[in-house]
Amino acid sequence: MKMQNFLDYCLSKPFSKLDYPFGPDIAVIKVGSRMFAIIQVRENNLNISLKCEPILAEFLRYQYKSVIPGYHLNKKHWNTVIIDGSVPIEEINKLIDHSYELVFSKLTKESL
């Protein structure tokens, strides 16, 4: 799957927007002013970092070798998924949904 597919899926969420605060090669998708996905290519691999409930984050790391603690993020609350085909796309989309819902649920109307 290509970066654009993940960008399109993330940007289909209500109030989501694309930003590049860390440079042109690191796509950050936010809802309001808060990040819920970071998409980049590292070491020739597409990666997507997503916010996650801590217990689920640990379970996913145990279940999939390509799910690692969030790269340059709070390792308790973020996972990075290396897109290598080992995690089904449907599962990644569910993780995007989960990340979005975690962040969106903490927002106030004023922050949208």
C-alpha atoms as a PDB file:
ATOM      1  CA  MET A   1       0.000   0.000   0.000  1.00  0.00           C
ATOM      2  CA  LYS A   2       1.204   3.488  -0.802  1.00  0.00           C
ATOM      3  CA  MET A   3       1.548   6.527   1.401  1.00  0.00           C
ATOM      4  CA  GLN A   4      -1.250   8.296  -0.468  1.00  0.00           C
ATOM      5  CA  ASN A   5      -3.721   5.526   0.417  1.00  0.00           C
ATOM      6  CA  PHE A   6      -3.033   6.033   4.129  1.00  0.00           C
ATOM      7  CA  LEU A   7      -3.162   9.808   3.757  1.00  0.00           C
ATOM      8  CA  ASP A   8      -6.513   9.575   1.994  1.00  0.00           C
ATOM      9  CA  TYR A   9      -7.925   7.271   4.668  1.00  0.00           C
ATOM     10  CA  CYS A  10      -6.738   9.519   7.502  1.00  0.00           C
ATOM     11  CA  LEU A  11      -7.991  12.656   5.781  1.00  0.00           C
ATOM     12  CA  SER A  12     -11.441  11.105   5.308  1.00  0.00           C
ATOM     13  CA  LYS A  13     -11.971  11.528   9.065  1.00  0.00           C
ATOM     14  CA  PRO A  14     -14.065  14.566  10.075  1.00  0.00           C
ATOM     15  CA  PHE A  15     -12.028  17.709  10.881  1.00  0.00           C
ATOM     16  CA  SER A  16      -8.737  16.050   9.925  1.00  0.00           C
ATOM     17  CA  LYS A  17      -6.004  18.043   8.228  1.00  0.00           C
ATOM     18  CA  LEU A  18      -2.549  17.447   6.815  1.00  0.00           C
ATOM     19  CA  ASP A  19       0.512  19.291   8.100  1.00  0.00           C
ATOM     20  CA  TYR A  20       4.294  19.039   7.666  1.00  0.00           C
ATOM     21  CA  PRO A  21       5.716  20.545  10.894  1.00  0.00           C
ATOM     22  CA  PHE A  22       8.765  18.235  10.878  1.00  0.00           C
ATOM     23  CA  GLY A  23       9.756  18.774   7.243  1.00  0.00           C
ATOM     24  CA  PRO A  24       8.492  17.848   3.777  1.00  0.00           C
ATOM     25  CA  ASP A  25       9.023  14.093   4.177  1.00  0.00           C
ATOM     26  CA  ILE A  26       6.983  13.583   7.348  1.00  0.00           C
ATOM     27  CA  ALA A  27       3.219  13.834   6.907  1.00  0.00           C
ATOM     28  CA  VAL A  28       1.358  14.637  10.118  1.00  0.00           C
ATOM     29  CA  ILE A  29      -2.405  14.209  10.209  1.00  0.00           C
ATOM     30  CA  LYS A  30      -4.174  16.132  12.920  1.00  0.00           C
ATOM     31  CA  VAL A  31      -7.667  16.548  14.224  1.00  0.00           C
ATOM     32  CA  GLY A  32      -7.937  20.019  15.662  1.00  0.00           C
ATOM     33  CA  SER A  33      -4.390  20.811  16.751  1.00  0.00           C
ATOM     34  CA  ARG A  34      -3.552  17.270  17.914  1.00  0.00           C
ATOM     35  CA  MET A  35      -1.716  14.589  15.942  1.00  0.00           C
ATOM     36  CA  PHE A  36      -3.293  11.192  15.388  1.00  0.00           C
ATOM     37  CA  ALA A  37      -1.073   9.830  12.596  1.00  0.00           C
ATOM     38  CA  ILE A  38       2.454  10.403  11.336  1.00  0.00           C
ATOM     39  CA  ILE A  39       3.400   8.880   7.991  1.00  0.00           C
ATOM     40  CA  GLN A  40       6.953   8.729   6.699  1.00  0.00           C
ATOM     41  CA  VAL A  41       9.489   6.583   4.878  1.00  0.00           C
ATOM     42  CA  ARG A  42      12.377   5.423   7.074  1.00  0.00           C
ATOM     43  CA  GLU A  43      15.117   3.061   5.928  1.00  0.00           C
ATOM     44  CA  ASN A  44      13.193   2.433   2.681  1.00  0.00           C
ATOM     45  CA  ASN A  45      10.080   1.345   4.602  1.00  0.00           C
ATOM     46  CA  LEU A  46       6.785   3.170   4.828  1.00  0.00           C
ATOM     47  CA  ASN A  47       5.893   3.717   8.498  1.00  0.00           C
ATOM     48  CA  ILE A  48       2.752   5.007  10.154  1.00  0.00           C
ATOM     49  CA  SER A  49       2.789   6.053  13.799  1.00  0.00           C
ATOM     50  CA  LEU A  50      -0.537   5.965  15.619  1.00  0.00           C
ATOM     51  CA  LYS A  51      -1.782   6.791  19.092  1.00  0.00           C
ATOM     52  CA  CYS A  52      -2.964   3.706  20.974  1.00  0.00           C
ATOM     53  CA  GLU A  53      -4.329   2.628  24.336  1.00  0.00           C
ATOM     54  CA  PRO A  54      -1.307   1.316  26.312  1.00  0.00           C
ATOM     55  CA  ILE A  55      -2.603  -2.243  26.805  1.00  0.00           C
ATOM     56  CA  LEU A  56      -3.531  -2.581  23.129  1.00  0.00           C
ATOM     57  CA  ALA A  57      -0.175  -1.064  22.137  1.00  0.00           C
ATOM     58  CA  GLU A  58       1.685  -3.765  24.067  1.00  0.00           C
ATOM     59  CA  PHE A  59      -0.518  -6.532  22.659  1.00  0.00           C
ATOM     60  CA  LEU A  60       0.069  -5.374  19.077  1.00  0.00           C
ATOM     61  CA  ARG A  61       3.845  -5.268  19.619  1.00  0.00           C
ATOM     62  CA  TYR A  62       3.685  -8.849  20.876  1.00  0.00           C
ATOM     63  CA  GLN A  63       1.430  -9.964  18.008  1.00  0.00           C
ATOM     64  CA  TYR A  64       3.314  -8.306  15.121  1.00  0.00           C
ATOM     65  CA  LYS A  65       7.071  -7.957  14.720  1.00  0.00           C
ATOM     66  CA  SER A  66       6.489  -4.898  12.514  1.00  0.00           C
ATOM     67  CA  VAL A  67       4.661  -2.987  15.272  1.00  0.00           C
ATOM     68  CA  ILE A  68       7.216  -1.206  17.422  1.00  0.00           C
ATOM     69  CA  PRO A  69       7.106   1.484  20.100  1.00  0.00           C
ATOM     70  CA  GLY A  70       6.426   4.906  18.585  1.00  0.00           C
ATOM     71  CA  TYR A  71       9.450   6.341  16.782  1.00  0.00           C
ATOM     72  CA  HIS A  72      10.437   9.579  18.598  1.00  0.00           C
ATOM     73  CA  LEU A  73       7.096   9.520  20.437  1.00  0.00           C
ATOM     74  CA  ASN A  74       5.751   8.567  23.861  1.00  0.00           C
ATOM     75  CA  LYS A  75       6.349   4.820  23.723  1.00  0.00           C
ATOM     76  CA  LYS A  76       3.507   4.083  26.132  1.00  0.00           C
ATOM     77  CA  HIS A  77       0.844   5.749  23.977  1.00  0.00           C
ATOM     78  CA  TRP A  78       2.176   5.455  20.409  1.00  0.00           C
ATOM     79  CA  ASN A  79       3.045   2.580  18.079  1.00  0.00           C
ATOM     80  CA  THR A  80       4.830   2.711  14.757  1.00  0.00           C
ATOM     81  CA  VAL A  81       3.671   0.182  12.169  1.00  0.00           C
ATOM     82  CA  ILE A  82       6.248  -0.745   9.539  1.00  0.00           C
ATOM     83  CA  ILE A  83       4.259  -1.352   6.368  1.00  0.00           C
ATOM     84  CA  ASP A  84       5.776  -4.607   5.148  1.00  0.00           C
ATOM     85  CA  GLY A  85       2.635  -6.670   4.532  1.00  0.00           C
ATOM     86  CA  SER A  86       2.713  -8.509   7.858  1.00  0.00           C
ATOM     87  CA  VAL A  87      -0.088  -6.414   9.389  1.00  0.00           C
ATOM     88  CA  PRO A  88      -3.269  -6.651   7.284  1.00  0.00           C
ATOM     89  CA  ILE A  89      -4.483  -3.363   5.794  1.00  0.00           C
ATOM     90  CA  GLU A  90      -7.844  -3.845   7.511  1.00  0.00           C
ATOM     91  CA  GLU A  91      -6.043  -4.007  10.871  1.00  0.00           C
ATOM     92  CA  ILE A  92      -4.053  -0.863  10.084  1.00  0.00           C
ATOM     93  CA  ASN A  93      -7.262   0.952   9.157  1.00  0.00           C
ATOM     94  CA  LYS A  94      -8.775  -0.115  12.498  1.00  0.00           C
ATOM     95  CA  LEU A  95      -5.694   1.250  14.255  1.00  0.00           C
ATOM     96  CA  ILE A  96      -6.072   4.543  12.378  1.00  0.00           C
ATOM     97  CA  ASP A  97      -9.714   4.658  13.500  1.00  0.00           C
ATOM     98  CA  HIS A  98      -8.664   3.916  17.090  1.00  0.00           C
ATOM     99  CA  SER A  99      -6.012   6.646  17.055  1.00  0.00           C
ATOM    100  CA  TYR A 100      -8.420   9.195  15.598  1.00  0.00           C
ATOM    101  CA  GLU A 101     -11.107   8.341  18.164  1.00  0.00           C
ATOM    102  CA  LEU A 102      -8.642   8.616  21.072  1.00  0.00           C
ATOM    103  CA  VAL A 103      -7.566  12.084  19.989  1.00  0.00           C
ATOM    104  CA  PHE A 104     -10.997  13.321  18.869  1.00  0.00           C
ATOM    105  CA  SER A 105     -12.613  12.289  22.158  1.00  0.00           C
ATOM    106  CA  LYS A 106     -10.290  14.644  24.071  1.00  0.00           C
ATOM    107  CA  LEU A 107     -11.049  17.722  21.947  1.00  0.00           C
ATOM    108  CA  THR A 108     -13.374  20.549  22.823  1.00  0.00           C
ATOM    109  CA  LYS A 109     -15.604  22.253  20.245  1.00  0.00           C
ATOM    110  CA  GLU A 110     -13.361  25.313  20.412  1.00  0.00           C
ATOM    111  CA  SER A 111     -10.286  23.294  19.438  1.00  0.00           C
ATOM    112  CA  LEU A 112     -11.820  22.108  16.172  1.00  0.00           C
END
